[in-house]
Amino acid sequence: YLHVDDVVRALSMCMTNRFEDPFTILNVGSGIATSVNQIAELTTAAFREWQIDAGETPAAIPVTRLDARKGELLRCFLDCRRIRQTTGWAAGIELESGIKETTRWFASELVGGVGQSSVAPK
């Protein structure tokens, strides 16, 4: 899981880099194993924090957990050493702060309407 700003930066660095092998494969990720449950918990916490900051009483946000389906990704982890060694790129936005920023932006859009956000996407 990775913030879109980090993905754009990685792609930009790769497009301006000359690789010896034109078929070089590079993983772009945080390098930190993250589960779907962690994403749900961070998103729920970020939305609850936004509600408090907006002067609202936080609503209970139920998270329904089902058994994993066959082939479902339970945890995401990519070894990003090659892109770091090749281009110097590393993820710069911590998962929790990226989820907070994204959650606040979406919540502001839902409440304020398009163009009324107090938090603008980067």
PDB file of N, CA and C in Angstrom:
ATOM      1  N   TYR A   1       0.853  -1.178   0.000  1.00  0.00           N
ATOM      2  CA  TYR A   1       0.000   0.000   0.000  1.00  0.00           C
ATOM      3  C   TYR A   1       0.889   1.228   0.000  1.00  0.00           C
ATOM      4  N   LEU A   2       0.531   2.176  -0.837  1.00  0.00           N
ATOM      5  CA  LEU A   2       1.403   3.315  -1.058  1.00  0.00           C
ATOM      6  C   LEU A   2       0.581   4.539  -1.440  1.00  0.00           C
ATOM      7  N   HIS A   3       0.987   5.684  -0.973  1.00  0.00           N
ATOM      8  CA  HIS A   3       0.314   6.944  -1.309  1.00  0.00           C
ATOM      9  C   HIS A   3       0.586   7.269  -2.778  1.00  0.00           C
ATOM     10  N   VAL A   4      -0.404   7.800  -3.445  1.00  0.00           N
ATOM     11  CA  VAL A   4      -0.294   8.095  -4.871  1.00  0.00           C
ATOM     12  C   VAL A   4       0.848   9.069  -5.167  1.00  0.00           C
ATOM     13  N   ASP A   5       1.129   9.999  -4.270  1.00  0.00           N
ATOM     14  CA  ASP A   5       2.242  10.930  -4.497  1.00  0.00           C
ATOM     15  C   ASP A   5       3.570  10.183  -4.589  1.00  0.00           C
ATOM     16  N   ASP A   6       3.742   9.137  -3.774  1.00  0.00           N
ATOM     17  CA  ASP A   6       4.960   8.329  -3.837  1.00  0.00           C
ATOM     18  C   ASP A   6       5.027   7.541  -5.140  1.00  0.00           C
ATOM     19  N   VAL A   7       3.889   7.050  -5.607  1.00  0.00           N
ATOM     20  CA  VAL A   7       3.850   6.308  -6.874  1.00  0.00           C
ATOM     21  C   VAL A   7       4.251   7.226  -8.035  1.00  0.00           C
ATOM     22  N   VAL A   8       3.703   8.422  -8.048  1.00  0.00           N
ATOM     23  CA  VAL A   8       4.021   9.380  -9.115  1.00  0.00           C
ATOM     24  C   VAL A   8       5.504   9.727  -9.097  1.00  0.00           C
ATOM     25  N   ARG A   9       6.045   9.937  -7.908  1.00  0.00           N
ATOM     26  CA  ARG A   9       7.479  10.258  -7.788  1.00  0.00           C
ATOM     27  C   ARG A   9       8.339   9.098  -8.289  1.00  0.00           C
ATOM     28  N   ALA A  10       7.945   7.856  -7.950  1.00  0.00           N
ATOM     29  CA  ALA A  10       8.690   6.677  -8.409  1.00  0.00           C
ATOM     30  C   ALA A  10       8.643   6.566  -9.931  1.00  0.00           C
ATOM     31  N   LEU A  11       7.463   6.749 -10.510  1.00  0.00           N
ATOM     32  CA  LEU A  11       7.335   6.664 -11.969  1.00  0.00           C
ATOM     33  C   LEU A  11       8.155   7.740 -12.663  1.00  0.00           C
ATOM     34  N   SER A  12       8.126   8.930 -12.105  1.00  0.00           N
ATOM     35  CA  SER A  12       8.903  10.026 -12.679  1.00  0.00           C
ATOM     36  C   SER A  12      10.402   9.716 -12.648  1.00  0.00           C
ATOM     37  N   MET A  13      10.869   9.183 -11.523  1.00  0.00           N
ATOM     38  CA  MET A  13      12.293   8.845 -11.409  1.00  0.00           C
ATOM     39  C   MET A  13      12.668   7.725 -12.380  1.00  0.00           C
ATOM     40  N   CYS A  14      11.769   6.767 -12.566  1.00  0.00           N
ATOM     41  CA  CYS A  14      12.050   5.664 -13.489  1.00  0.00           C
ATOM     42  C   CYS A  14      12.061   6.133 -14.945  1.00  0.00           C
ATOM     43  N   MET A  15      11.188   7.073 -15.271  1.00  0.00           N
ATOM     44  CA  MET A  15      11.132   7.572 -16.653  1.00  0.00           C
ATOM     45  C   MET A  15      12.369   8.381 -17.009  1.00  0.00           C
ATOM     46  N   THR A  16      13.026   8.962 -16.024  1.00  0.00           N
ATOM     47  CA  THR A  16      14.210   9.776 -16.312  1.00  0.00           C
ATOM     48  C   THR A  16      15.504   9.012 -16.076  1.00  0.00           C
ATOM     49  N   ASN A  17      15.410   7.735 -15.736  1.00  0.00           N
ATOM     50  CA  ASN A  17      16.580   6.911 -15.480  1.00  0.00           C
ATOM     51  C   ASN A  17      16.846   6.017 -16.680  1.00  0.00           C
ATOM     52  N   ARG A  18      18.107   5.875 -17.038  1.00  0.00           N
ATOM     53  CA  ARG A  18      18.468   4.968 -18.131  1.00  0.00           C
ATOM     54  C   ARG A  18      18.926   3.650 -17.506  1.00  0.00           C
ATOM     55  N   PHE A  19      18.203   2.599 -17.848  1.00  0.00           N
ATOM     56  CA  PHE A  19      18.503   1.286 -17.301  1.00  0.00           C
ATOM     57  C   PHE A  19      19.334   0.481 -18.295  1.00  0.00           C
ATOM     58  N   GLU A  20      20.305  -0.290 -17.769  1.00  0.00           N
ATOM     59  CA  GLU A  20      21.104  -1.158 -18.643  1.00  0.00           C
ATOM     60  C   GLU A  20      20.207  -2.164 -19.349  1.00  0.00           C
ATOM     61  N   ASP A  21      19.304  -2.750 -18.599  1.00  0.00           N
ATOM     62  CA  ASP A  21      18.367  -3.730 -19.134  1.00  0.00           C
ATOM     63  C   ASP A  21      17.005  -3.058 -19.301  1.00  0.00           C
ATOM     64  N   PRO A  22      16.508  -2.947 -20.536  1.00  0.00           N
ATOM     65  CA  PRO A  22      15.220  -2.268 -20.755  1.00  0.00           C
ATOM     66  C   PRO A  22      14.039  -3.007 -20.125  1.00  0.00           C
ATOM     67  N   PHE A  23      14.265  -4.253 -19.692  1.00  0.00           N
ATOM     68  CA  PHE A  23      13.208  -5.048 -19.081  1.00  0.00           C
ATOM     69  C   PHE A  23      13.384  -5.141 -17.559  1.00  0.00           C
ATOM     70  N   THR A  24      14.059  -4.168 -16.988  1.00  0.00           N
ATOM     71  CA  THR A  24      14.274  -4.147 -15.540  1.00  0.00           C
ATOM     72  C   THR A  24      12.936  -4.083 -14.822  1.00  0.00           C
ATOM     73  N   ILE A  25      12.769  -4.937 -13.842  1.00  0.00           N
ATOM     74  CA  ILE A  25      11.543  -4.957 -13.044  1.00  0.00           C
ATOM     75  C   ILE A  25      11.853  -4.376 -11.674  1.00  0.00           C
ATOM     76  N   LEU A  26      11.073  -3.375 -11.282  1.00  0.00           N
ATOM     77  CA  LEU A  26      11.260  -2.718  -9.999  1.00  0.00           C
ATOM     78  C   LEU A  26       9.957  -2.741  -9.213  1.00  0.00           C
ATOM     79  N   ASN A  27      10.025  -3.146  -7.967  1.00  0.00           N
ATOM     80  CA  ASN A  27       8.858  -3.071  -7.088  1.00  0.00           C
ATOM     81  C   ASN A  27       8.754  -1.659  -6.535  1.00  0.00           C
ATOM     82  N   VAL A  28       7.556  -1.136  -6.499  1.00  0.00           N
ATOM     83  CA  VAL A  28       7.292   0.184  -5.929  1.00  0.00           C
ATOM     84  C   VAL A  28       6.336  -0.030  -4.765  1.00  0.00           C
ATOM     85  N   GLY A  29       6.821   0.150  -3.561  1.00  0.00           N
ATOM     86  CA  GLY A  29       6.002  -0.053  -2.370  1.00  0.00           C
ATOM     87  C   GLY A  29       6.677   0.555  -1.166  1.00  0.00           C
ATOM     88  N   SER A  30       6.035   0.411  -0.035  1.00  0.00           N
ATOM     89  CA  SER A  30       6.584   0.985   1.196  1.00  0.00           C
ATOM     90  C   SER A  30       7.681   0.112   1.783  1.00  0.00           C
ATOM     91  N   GLY A  31       7.675  -1.177   1.438  1.00  0.00           N
ATOM     92  CA  GLY A  31       8.633  -2.087   2.038  1.00  0.00           C
ATOM     93  C   GLY A  31       8.193  -2.556   3.420  1.00  0.00           C
ATOM     94  N   ILE A  32       6.967  -2.198   3.803  1.00  0.00           N
ATOM     95  CA  ILE A  32       6.432  -2.569   5.114  1.00  0.00           C
ATOM     96  C   ILE A  32       5.204  -3.448   4.892  1.00  0.00           C
ATOM     97  N   ALA A  33       5.214  -4.636   5.480  1.00  0.00           N
ATOM     98  CA  ALA A  33       4.071  -5.536   5.344  1.00  0.00           C
ATOM     99  C   ALA A  33       2.847  -4.913   6.013  1.00  0.00           C
ATOM    100  N   THR A  34       1.736  -4.881   5.293  1.00  0.00           N
ATOM    101  CA  THR A  34       0.507  -4.266   5.791  1.00  0.00           C
ATOM    102  C   THR A  34      -0.675  -5.161   5.458  1.00  0.00           C
ATOM    103  N   SER A  35      -1.533  -5.380   6.441  1.00  0.00           N
ATOM    104  CA  SER A  35      -2.707  -6.227   6.219  1.00  0.00           C
ATOM    105  C   SER A  35      -3.918  -5.369   5.877  1.00  0.00           C
ATOM    106  N   VAL A  36      -4.911  -6.011   5.291  1.00  0.00           N
ATOM    107  CA  VAL A  36      -6.172  -5.338   4.985  1.00  0.00           C
ATOM    108  C   VAL A  36      -6.821  -4.856   6.291  1.00  0.00           C
ATOM    109  N   ASN A  37      -6.703  -5.643   7.347  1.00  0.00           N
ATOM    110  CA  ASN A  37      -7.255  -5.235   8.644  1.00  0.00           C
ATOM    111  C   ASN A  37      -6.588  -3.963   9.159  1.00  0.00           C
ATOM    112  N   GLN A  38      -5.288  -3.833   8.960  1.00  0.00           N
ATOM    113  CA  GLN A  38      -4.599  -2.605   9.372  1.00  0.00           C
ATOM    114  C   GLN A  38      -5.129  -1.400   8.600  1.00  0.00           C
ATOM    115  N   ILE A  39      -5.358  -1.565   7.313  1.00  0.00           N
ATOM    116  CA  ILE A  39      -5.908  -0.481   6.490  1.00  0.00           C
ATOM    117  C   ILE A  39      -7.285  -0.085   7.020  1.00  0.00           C
ATOM    118  N   ALA A  40      -8.120  -1.066   7.325  1.00  0.00           N
ATOM    119  CA  ALA A  40      -9.467  -0.790   7.852  1.00  0.00           C
ATOM    120  C   ALA A  40      -9.375  -0.048   9.184  1.00  0.00           C
ATOM    121  N   GLU A  41      -8.488  -0.481  10.062  1.00  0.00           N
ATOM    122  CA  GLU A  41      -8.346   0.166  11.369  1.00  0.00           C
ATOM    123  C   GLU A  41      -7.847   1.603  11.231  1.00  0.00           C
ATOM    124  N   LEU A  42      -6.854   1.819  10.380  1.00  0.00           N
ATOM    125  CA  LEU A  42      -6.315   3.172  10.185  1.00  0.00           C
ATOM    126  C   LEU A  42      -7.352   4.095   9.555  1.00  0.00           C
ATOM    127  N   THR A  43      -8.111   3.590   8.595  1.00  0.00           N
ATOM    128  CA  THR A  43      -9.135   4.403   7.941  1.00  0.00           C
ATOM    129  C   THR A  43     -10.252   4.753   8.914  1.00  0.00           C
ATOM    130  N   THR A  44     -10.685   3.785   9.699  1.00  0.00           N
ATOM    131  CA  THR A  44     -11.729   4.028  10.693  1.00  0.00           C
ATOM    132  C   THR A  44     -11.269   5.055  11.724  1.00  0.00           C
ATOM    133  N   ALA A  45     -10.036   4.916  12.198  1.00  0.00           N
ATOM    134  CA  ALA A  45      -9.491   5.864  13.177  1.00  0.00           C
ATOM    135  C   ALA A  45      -9.373   7.268  12.579  1.00  0.00           C
ATOM    136  N   ALA A  46      -8.938   7.355  11.329  1.00  0.00           N
ATOM    137  CA  ALA A  46      -8.793   8.660  10.675  1.00  0.00           C
ATOM    138  C   ALA A  46     -10.143   9.342  10.512  1.00  0.00           C
ATOM    139  N   PHE A  47     -11.164   8.585  10.129  1.00  0.00           N
ATOM    140  CA  PHE A  47     -12.495   9.172   9.963  1.00  0.00           C
ATOM    141  C   PHE A  47     -13.054   9.602  11.310  1.00  0.00           C
ATOM    142  N   ARG A  48     -12.848   8.803  12.346  1.00  0.00           N
ATOM    143  CA  ARG A  48     -13.305   9.162  13.689  1.00  0.00           C
ATOM    144  C   ARG A  48     -12.619  10.465  14.148  1.00  0.00           C
ATOM    145  N   GLU A  49     -11.319  10.574  13.880  1.00  0.00           N
ATOM    146  CA  GLU A  49     -10.572  11.792  14.230  1.00  0.00           C
ATOM    147  C   GLU A  49     -11.126  12.998  13.469  1.00  0.00           C
ATOM    148  N   TRP A  50     -11.454  12.811  12.193  1.00  0.00           N
ATOM    149  CA  TRP A  50     -12.028  13.906  11.403  1.00  0.00           C
ATOM    150  C   TRP A  50     -13.355  14.344  12.000  1.00  0.00           C
ATOM    151  N   GLN A  51     -14.193  13.382  12.402  1.00  0.00           N
ATOM    152  CA  GLN A  51     -15.485  13.716  13.002  1.00  0.00           C
ATOM    153  C   GLN A  51     -15.291  14.564  14.268  1.00  0.00           C
ATOM    154  N   ILE A  52     -14.366  14.186  15.110  1.00  0.00           N
ATOM    155  CA  ILE A  52     -14.100  14.933  16.345  1.00  0.00           C
ATOM    156  C   ILE A  52     -13.620  16.341  16.004  1.00  0.00           C
ATOM    157  N   ASP A  53     -12.677  16.449  15.071  1.00  0.00           N
ATOM    158  CA  ASP A  53     -12.163  17.768  14.663  1.00  0.00           C
ATOM    159  C   ASP A  53     -13.261  18.644  14.070  1.00  0.00           C
ATOM    160  N   ALA A  54     -14.260  18.026  13.430  1.00  0.00           N
ATOM    161  CA  ALA A  54     -15.373  18.757  12.816  1.00  0.00           C
ATOM    162  C   ALA A  54     -16.461  19.083  13.838  1.00  0.00           C
ATOM    163  N   GLY A  55     -16.227  18.705  15.119  1.00  0.00           N
ATOM    164  CA  GLY A  55     -17.193  19.003  16.175  1.00  0.00           C
ATOM    165  C   GLY A  55     -18.346  18.022  16.234  1.00  0.00           C
ATOM    166  N   GLU A  56     -18.198  16.905  15.594  1.00  0.00           N
ATOM    167  CA  GLU A  56     -19.248  15.894  15.589  1.00  0.00           C
ATOM    168  C   GLU A  56     -18.965  14.831  16.638  1.00  0.00           C
ATOM    169  N   THR A  57     -20.014  14.153  17.045  1.00  0.00           N
ATOM    170  CA  THR A  57     -19.854  12.986  17.900  1.00  0.00           C
ATOM    171  C   THR A  57     -19.500  11.824  16.992  1.00  0.00           C
ATOM    172  N   PRO A  58     -18.370  11.170  17.245  1.00  0.00           N
ATOM    173  CA  PRO A  58     -17.971  10.088  16.345  1.00  0.00           C
ATOM    174  C   PRO A  58     -19.018   8.987  16.270  1.00  0.00           C
ATOM    175  N   ALA A  59     -19.372   8.635  15.083  1.00  0.00           N
ATOM    176  CA  ALA A  59     -20.329   7.550  14.857  1.00  0.00           C
ATOM    177  C   ALA A  59     -19.589   6.227  14.913  1.00  0.00           C
ATOM    178  N   ALA A  60     -20.262   5.214  15.394  1.00  0.00           N
ATOM    179  CA  ALA A  60     -19.684   3.875  15.372  1.00  0.00           C
ATOM    180  C   ALA A  60     -19.592   3.426  13.917  1.00  0.00           C
ATOM    181  N   ILE A  61     -18.444   2.987  13.531  1.00  0.00           N
ATOM    182  CA  ILE A  61     -18.230   2.555  12.159  1.00  0.00           C
ATOM    183  C   ILE A  61     -17.987   1.046  12.191  1.00  0.00           C
ATOM    184  N   PRO A  62     -19.015   0.286  11.847  1.00  0.00           N
ATOM    185  CA  PRO A  62     -18.834  -1.166  11.898  1.00  0.00           C
ATOM    186  C   PRO A  62     -17.948  -1.646  10.752  1.00  0.00           C
ATOM    187  N   VAL A  63     -17.064  -2.543  11.075  1.00  0.00           N
ATOM    188  CA  VAL A  63     -16.221  -3.171  10.065  1.00  0.00           C
ATOM    189  C   VAL A  63     -16.603  -4.644  10.044  1.00  0.00           C
ATOM    190  N   THR A  64     -17.123  -5.082   8.932  1.00  0.00           N
ATOM    191  CA  THR A  64     -17.535  -6.475   8.794  1.00  0.00           C
ATOM    192  C   THR A  64     -16.349  -7.281   8.285  1.00  0.00           C
ATOM    193  N   ARG A  65     -15.962  -8.253   9.054  1.00  0.00           N
ATOM    194  CA  ARG A  65     -14.843  -9.111   8.646  1.00  0.00           C
ATOM    195  C   ARG A  65     -15.400 -10.471   8.233  1.00  0.00           C
ATOM    196  N   LEU A  66     -15.058 -10.865   7.048  1.00  0.00           N
ATOM    197  CA  LEU A  66     -15.487 -12.149   6.509  1.00  0.00           C
ATOM    198  C   LEU A  66     -14.272 -13.049   6.361  1.00  0.00           C
ATOM    199  N   ASP A  67     -14.513 -14.329   6.223  1.00  0.00           N
ATOM    200  CA  ASP A  67     -13.416 -15.251   5.958  1.00  0.00           C
ATOM    201  C   ASP A  67     -12.800 -14.888   4.612  1.00  0.00           C
ATOM    202  N   ALA A  68     -11.502 -15.055   4.527  1.00  0.00           N
ATOM    203  CA  ALA A  68     -10.805 -14.753   3.276  1.00  0.00           C
ATOM    204  C   ALA A  68     -11.293 -15.682   2.172  1.00  0.00           C
ATOM    205  N   ARG A  69     -11.388 -15.113   0.981  1.00  0.00           N
ATOM    206  CA  ARG A  69     -11.746 -15.916  -0.187  1.00  0.00           C
ATOM    207  C   ARG A  69     -10.476 -16.541  -0.755  1.00  0.00           C
ATOM    208  N   LYS A  70     -10.627 -17.619  -1.444  1.00  0.00           N
ATOM    209  CA  LYS A  70      -9.491 -18.304  -2.044  1.00  0.00           C
ATOM    210  C   LYS A  70      -8.719 -17.330  -2.947  1.00  0.00           C
ATOM    211  N   GLY A  71      -7.426 -17.219  -2.710  1.00  0.00           N
ATOM    212  CA  GLY A  71      -6.570 -16.360  -3.520  1.00  0.00           C
ATOM    213  C   GLY A  71      -6.541 -14.904  -3.089  1.00  0.00           C
ATOM    214  N   GLU A  72      -7.303 -14.548  -2.059  1.00  0.00           N
ATOM    215  CA  GLU A  72      -7.360 -13.160  -1.620  1.00  0.00           C
ATOM    216  C   GLU A  72      -6.047 -12.739  -0.955  1.00  0.00           C
ATOM    217  N   LEU A  73      -5.599 -11.557  -1.260  1.00  0.00           N
ATOM    218  CA  LEU A  73      -4.385 -10.999  -0.673  1.00  0.00           C
ATOM    219  C   LEU A  73      -4.681 -10.567   0.762  1.00  0.00           C
ATOM    220  N   LEU A  74      -3.976 -11.154   1.721  1.00  0.00           N
ATOM    221  CA  LEU A  74      -4.214 -10.825   3.126  1.00  0.00           C
ATOM    222  C   LEU A  74      -3.231  -9.783   3.647  1.00  0.00           C
ATOM    223  N   ARG A  75      -2.066  -9.761   3.068  1.00  0.00           N
ATOM    224  CA  ARG A  75      -1.017  -8.849   3.505  1.00  0.00           C
ATOM    225  C   ARG A  75      -0.211  -8.475   2.266  1.00  0.00           C
ATOM    226  N   CYS A  76       0.206  -7.226   2.202  1.00  0.00           N
ATOM    227  CA  CYS A  76       0.953  -6.761   1.037  1.00  0.00           C
ATOM    228  C   CYS A  76       2.351  -6.340   1.478  1.00  0.00           C
ATOM    229  N   PHE A  77       3.354  -6.863   0.804  1.00  0.00           N
ATOM    230  CA  PHE A  77       4.739  -6.490   1.097  1.00  0.00           C
ATOM    231  C   PHE A  77       5.554  -6.638  -0.176  1.00  0.00           C
ATOM    232  N   LEU A  78       6.292  -5.604  -0.527  1.00  0.00           N
ATOM    233  CA  LEU A  78       7.167  -5.660  -1.691  1.00  0.00           C
ATOM    234  C   LEU A  78       8.594  -5.339  -1.261  1.00  0.00           C
ATOM    235  N   ASP A  79       9.530  -6.075  -1.811  1.00  0.00           N
ATOM    236  CA  ASP A  79      10.941  -5.804  -1.572  1.00  0.00           C
ATOM    237  C   ASP A  79      11.356  -4.708  -2.557  1.00  0.00           C
ATOM    238  N   CYS A  80      11.642  -3.541  -2.045  1.00  0.00           N
ATOM    239  CA  CYS A  80      11.906  -2.367  -2.895  1.00  0.00           C
ATOM    240  C   CYS A  80      13.385  -1.986  -2.943  1.00  0.00           C
ATOM    241  N   ARG A  81      14.246  -2.911  -2.588  1.00  0.00           N
ATOM    242  CA  ARG A  81      15.682  -2.591  -2.583  1.00  0.00           C
ATOM    243  C   ARG A  81      16.203  -2.206  -3.961  1.00  0.00           C
ATOM    244  N   ARG A  82      15.721  -2.884  -5.004  1.00  0.00           N
ATOM    245  CA  ARG A  82      16.258  -2.631  -6.349  1.00  0.00           C
ATOM    246  C   ARG A  82      15.948  -1.206  -6.822  1.00  0.00           C
ATOM    247  N   ILE A  83      14.723  -0.726  -6.603  1.00  0.00           N
ATOM    248  CA  ILE A  83      14.408   0.647  -7.045  1.00  0.00           C
ATOM    249  C   ILE A  83      15.192   1.672  -6.228  1.00  0.00           C
ATOM    250  N   ARG A  84      15.412   1.369  -4.966  1.00  0.00           N
ATOM    251  CA  ARG A  84      16.198   2.281  -4.112  1.00  0.00           C
ATOM    252  C   ARG A  84      17.644   2.332  -4.599  1.00  0.00           C
ATOM    253  N   GLN A  85      18.203   1.166  -4.915  1.00  0.00           N
ATOM    254  CA  GLN A  85      19.589   1.103  -5.390  1.00  0.00           C
ATOM    255  C   GLN A  85      19.745   1.718  -6.775  1.00  0.00           C
ATOM    256  N   THR A  86      18.746   1.539  -7.623  1.00  0.00           N
ATOM    257  CA  THR A  86      18.820   1.989  -9.009  1.00  0.00           C
ATOM    258  C   THR A  86      18.541   3.478  -9.173  1.00  0.00           C
ATOM    259  N   THR A  87      17.530   3.978  -8.467  1.00  0.00           N
ATOM    260  CA  THR A  87      17.102   5.365  -8.674  1.00  0.00           C
ATOM    261  C   THR A  87      17.250   6.246  -7.434  1.00  0.00           C
ATOM    262  N   GLY A  88      17.419   5.620  -6.270  1.00  0.00           N
ATOM    263  CA  GLY A  88      17.460   6.388  -5.024  1.00  0.00           C
ATOM    264  C   GLY A  88      16.075   6.620  -4.433  1.00  0.00           C
ATOM    265  N   TRP A  89      15.032   6.104  -5.107  1.00  0.00           N
ATOM    266  CA  TRP A  89      13.670   6.316  -4.639  1.00  0.00           C
ATOM    267  C   TRP A  89      13.362   5.488  -3.397  1.00  0.00           C
ATOM    268  N   ALA A  90      12.617   6.069  -2.494  1.00  0.00           N
ATOM    269  CA  ALA A  90      12.043   5.359  -1.342  1.00  0.00           C
ATOM    270  C   ALA A  90      10.728   6.047  -1.012  1.00  0.00           C
ATOM    271  N   ALA A  91       9.795   5.287  -0.499  1.00  0.00           N
ATOM    272  CA  ALA A  91       8.509   5.865  -0.102  1.00  0.00           C
ATOM    273  C   ALA A  91       8.763   6.959   0.926  1.00  0.00           C
ATOM    274  N   GLY A  92       8.031   8.059   0.784  1.00  0.00           N
ATOM    275  CA  GLY A  92       8.249   9.193   1.678  1.00  0.00           C
ATOM    276  C   GLY A  92       7.062   9.514   2.566  1.00  0.00           C
ATOM    277  N   ILE A  93       5.898   8.965   2.250  1.00  0.00           N
ATOM    278  CA  ILE A  93       4.685   9.284   3.010  1.00  0.00           C
ATOM    279  C   ILE A  93       4.285   8.063   3.825  1.00  0.00           C
ATOM    280  N   GLU A  94       4.310   8.223   5.133  1.00  0.00           N
ATOM    281  CA  GLU A  94       3.946   7.129   6.031  1.00  0.00           C
ATOM    282  C   GLU A  94       2.481   6.755   5.816  1.00  0.00           C
ATOM    283  N   LEU A  95       2.191   5.468   5.903  1.00  0.00           N
ATOM    284  CA  LEU A  95       0.851   4.958   5.639  1.00  0.00           C
ATOM    285  C   LEU A  95      -0.215   5.667   6.470  1.00  0.00           C
ATOM    286  N   GLU A  96       0.007   5.786   7.766  1.00  0.00           N
ATOM    287  CA  GLU A  96      -1.011   6.392   8.634  1.00  0.00           C
ATOM    288  C   GLU A  96      -1.290   7.841   8.246  1.00  0.00           C
ATOM    289  N   SER A  97      -0.250   8.623   7.973  1.00  0.00           N
ATOM    290  CA  SER A  97      -0.487  10.025   7.614  1.00  0.00           C
ATOM    291  C   SER A  97      -1.128  10.137   6.231  1.00  0.00           C
ATOM    292  N   GLY A  98      -0.777   9.241   5.302  1.00  0.00           N
ATOM    293  CA  GLY A  98      -1.408   9.245   3.986  1.00  0.00           C
ATOM    294  C   GLY A  98      -2.889   8.897   4.070  1.00  0.00           C
ATOM    295  N   ILE A  99      -3.231   7.937   4.921  1.00  0.00           N
ATOM    296  CA  ILE A  99      -4.638   7.573   5.093  1.00  0.00           C
ATOM    297  C   ILE A  99      -5.397   8.716   5.760  1.00  0.00           C
ATOM    298  N   LYS A 100      -4.783   9.374   6.742  1.00  0.00           N
ATOM    299  CA  LYS A 100      -5.435  10.525   7.382  1.00  0.00           C
ATOM    300  C   LYS A 100      -5.710  11.617   6.364  1.00  0.00           C
ATOM    301  N   GLU A 101      -4.714  11.952   5.553  1.00  0.00           N
ATOM    302  CA  GLU A 101      -4.865  13.005   4.541  1.00  0.00           C
ATOM    303  C   GLU A 101      -5.972  12.646   3.548  1.00  0.00           C
ATOM    304  N   THR A 102      -5.956  11.416   3.060  1.00  0.00           N
ATOM    305  CA  THR A 102      -6.940  10.977   2.080  1.00  0.00           C
ATOM    306  C   THR A 102      -8.345  10.948   2.686  1.00  0.00           C
ATOM    307  N   THR A 103      -8.461  10.440   3.900  1.00  0.00           N
ATOM    308  CA  THR A 103      -9.760  10.377   4.576  1.00  0.00           C
ATOM    309  C   THR A 103     -10.313  11.774   4.801  1.00  0.00           C
ATOM    310  N   ARG A 104      -9.472  12.688   5.249  1.00  0.00           N
ATOM    311  CA  ARG A 104      -9.925  14.076   5.473  1.00  0.00           C
ATOM    312  C   ARG A 104     -10.367  14.719   4.165  1.00  0.00           C
ATOM    313  N   TRP A 105      -9.656  14.457   3.087  1.00  0.00           N
ATOM    314  CA  TRP A 105     -10.027  15.044   1.806  1.00  0.00           C
ATOM    315  C   TRP A 105     -11.391  14.525   1.368  1.00  0.00           C
ATOM    316  N   PHE A 106     -11.585  13.200   1.409  1.00  0.00           N
ATOM    317  CA  PHE A 106     -12.872  12.635   1.012  1.00  0.00           C
ATOM    318  C   PHE A 106     -13.992  13.099   1.932  1.00  0.00           C
ATOM    319  N   ALA A 107     -13.765  13.120   3.238  1.00  0.00           N
ATOM    320  CA  ALA A 107     -14.794  13.561   4.186  1.00  0.00           C
ATOM    321  C   ALA A 107     -15.162  15.014   3.923  1.00  0.00           C
ATOM    322  N   SER A 108     -14.186  15.857   3.660  1.00  0.00           N
ATOM    323  CA  SER A 108     -14.459  17.264   3.364  1.00  0.00           C
ATOM    324  C   SER A 108     -15.245  17.414   2.068  1.00  0.00           C
ATOM    325  N   GLU A 109     -14.937  16.603   1.076  1.00  0.00           N
ATOM    326  CA  GLU A 109     -15.674  16.643  -0.185  1.00  0.00           C
ATOM    327  C   GLU A 109     -17.125  16.242   0.033  1.00  0.00           C
ATOM    328  N   LEU A 110     -17.352  15.231   0.850  1.00  0.00           N
ATOM    329  CA  LEU A 110     -18.719  14.765   1.104  1.00  0.00           C
ATOM    330  C   LEU A 110     -19.533  15.803   1.859  1.00  0.00           C
ATOM    331  N   VAL A 111     -18.899  16.488   2.792  1.00  0.00           N
ATOM    332  CA  VAL A 111     -19.598  17.473   3.608  1.00  0.00           C
ATOM    333  C   VAL A 111     -19.713  18.808   2.894  1.00  0.00           C
ATOM    334  N   GLY A 112     -18.600  19.270   2.319  1.00  0.00           N
ATOM    335  CA  GLY A 112     -18.553  20.604   1.736  1.00  0.00           C
ATOM    336  C   GLY A 112     -18.931  20.698   0.287  1.00  0.00           C
ATOM    337  N   GLY A 113     -18.961  19.580  -0.399  1.00  0.00           N
ATOM    338  CA  GLY A 113     -19.240  19.618  -1.822  1.00  0.00           C
ATOM    339  C   GLY A 113     -17.961  19.817  -2.616  1.00  0.00           C
ATOM    340  N   VAL A 114     -18.010  19.509  -3.868  1.00  0.00           N
ATOM    341  CA  VAL A 114     -16.842  19.607  -4.731  1.00  0.00           C
ATOM    342  C   VAL A 114     -16.322  21.041  -4.750  1.00  0.00           C
ATOM    343  N   GLY A 115     -15.028  21.173  -4.570  1.00  0.00           N
ATOM    344  CA  GLY A 115     -14.404  22.496  -4.592  1.00  0.00           C
ATOM    345  C   GLY A 115     -14.450  23.223  -3.268  1.00  0.00           C
ATOM    346  N   GLN A 116     -15.082  22.631  -2.263  1.00  0.00           N
ATOM    347  CA  GLN A 116     -15.202  23.304  -0.968  1.00  0.00           C
ATOM    348  C   GLN A 116     -14.277  22.696   0.085  1.00  0.00           C
ATOM    349  N   SER A 117     -13.383  21.830  -0.309  1.00  0.00           N
ATOM    350  CA  SER A 117     -12.541  21.127   0.646  1.00  0.00           C
ATOM    351  C   SER A 117     -11.611  22.066   1.381  1.00  0.00           C
ATOM    352  N   SER A 118     -11.419  21.760   2.671  1.00  0.00           N
ATOM    353  CA  SER A 118     -10.406  22.502   3.422  1.00  0.00           C
ATOM    354  C   SER A 118      -9.049  21.861   3.232  1.00  0.00           C
ATOM    355  N   VAL A 119      -9.015  20.627   2.750  1.00  0.00           N
ATOM    356  CA  VAL A 119      -7.769  19.927   2.488  1.00  0.00           C
ATOM    357  C   VAL A 119      -7.738  19.586   1.012  1.00  0.00           C
ATOM    358  N   ALA A 120      -6.769  20.096   0.295  1.00  0.00           N
ATOM    359  CA  ALA A 120      -6.695  19.844  -1.131  1.00  0.00           C
ATOM    360  C   ALA A 120      -5.716  18.702  -1.404  1.00  0.00           C
ATOM    361  N   PRO A 121      -5.984  17.887  -2.407  1.00  0.00           N
ATOM    362  CA  PRO A 121      -5.032  16.841  -2.747  1.00  0.00           C
ATOM    363  C   PRO A 121      -3.755  17.472  -3.277  1.00  0.00           C
ATOM    364  N   LYS A 122      -2.650  16.803  -3.059  1.00  0.00           N
ATOM    365  CA  LYS A 122      -1.353  17.326  -3.531  1.00  0.00           C
ATOM    366  C   LYS A 122      -1.158  17.027  -4.988  1.00  0.00           C
TER     367      LYS A 122
END
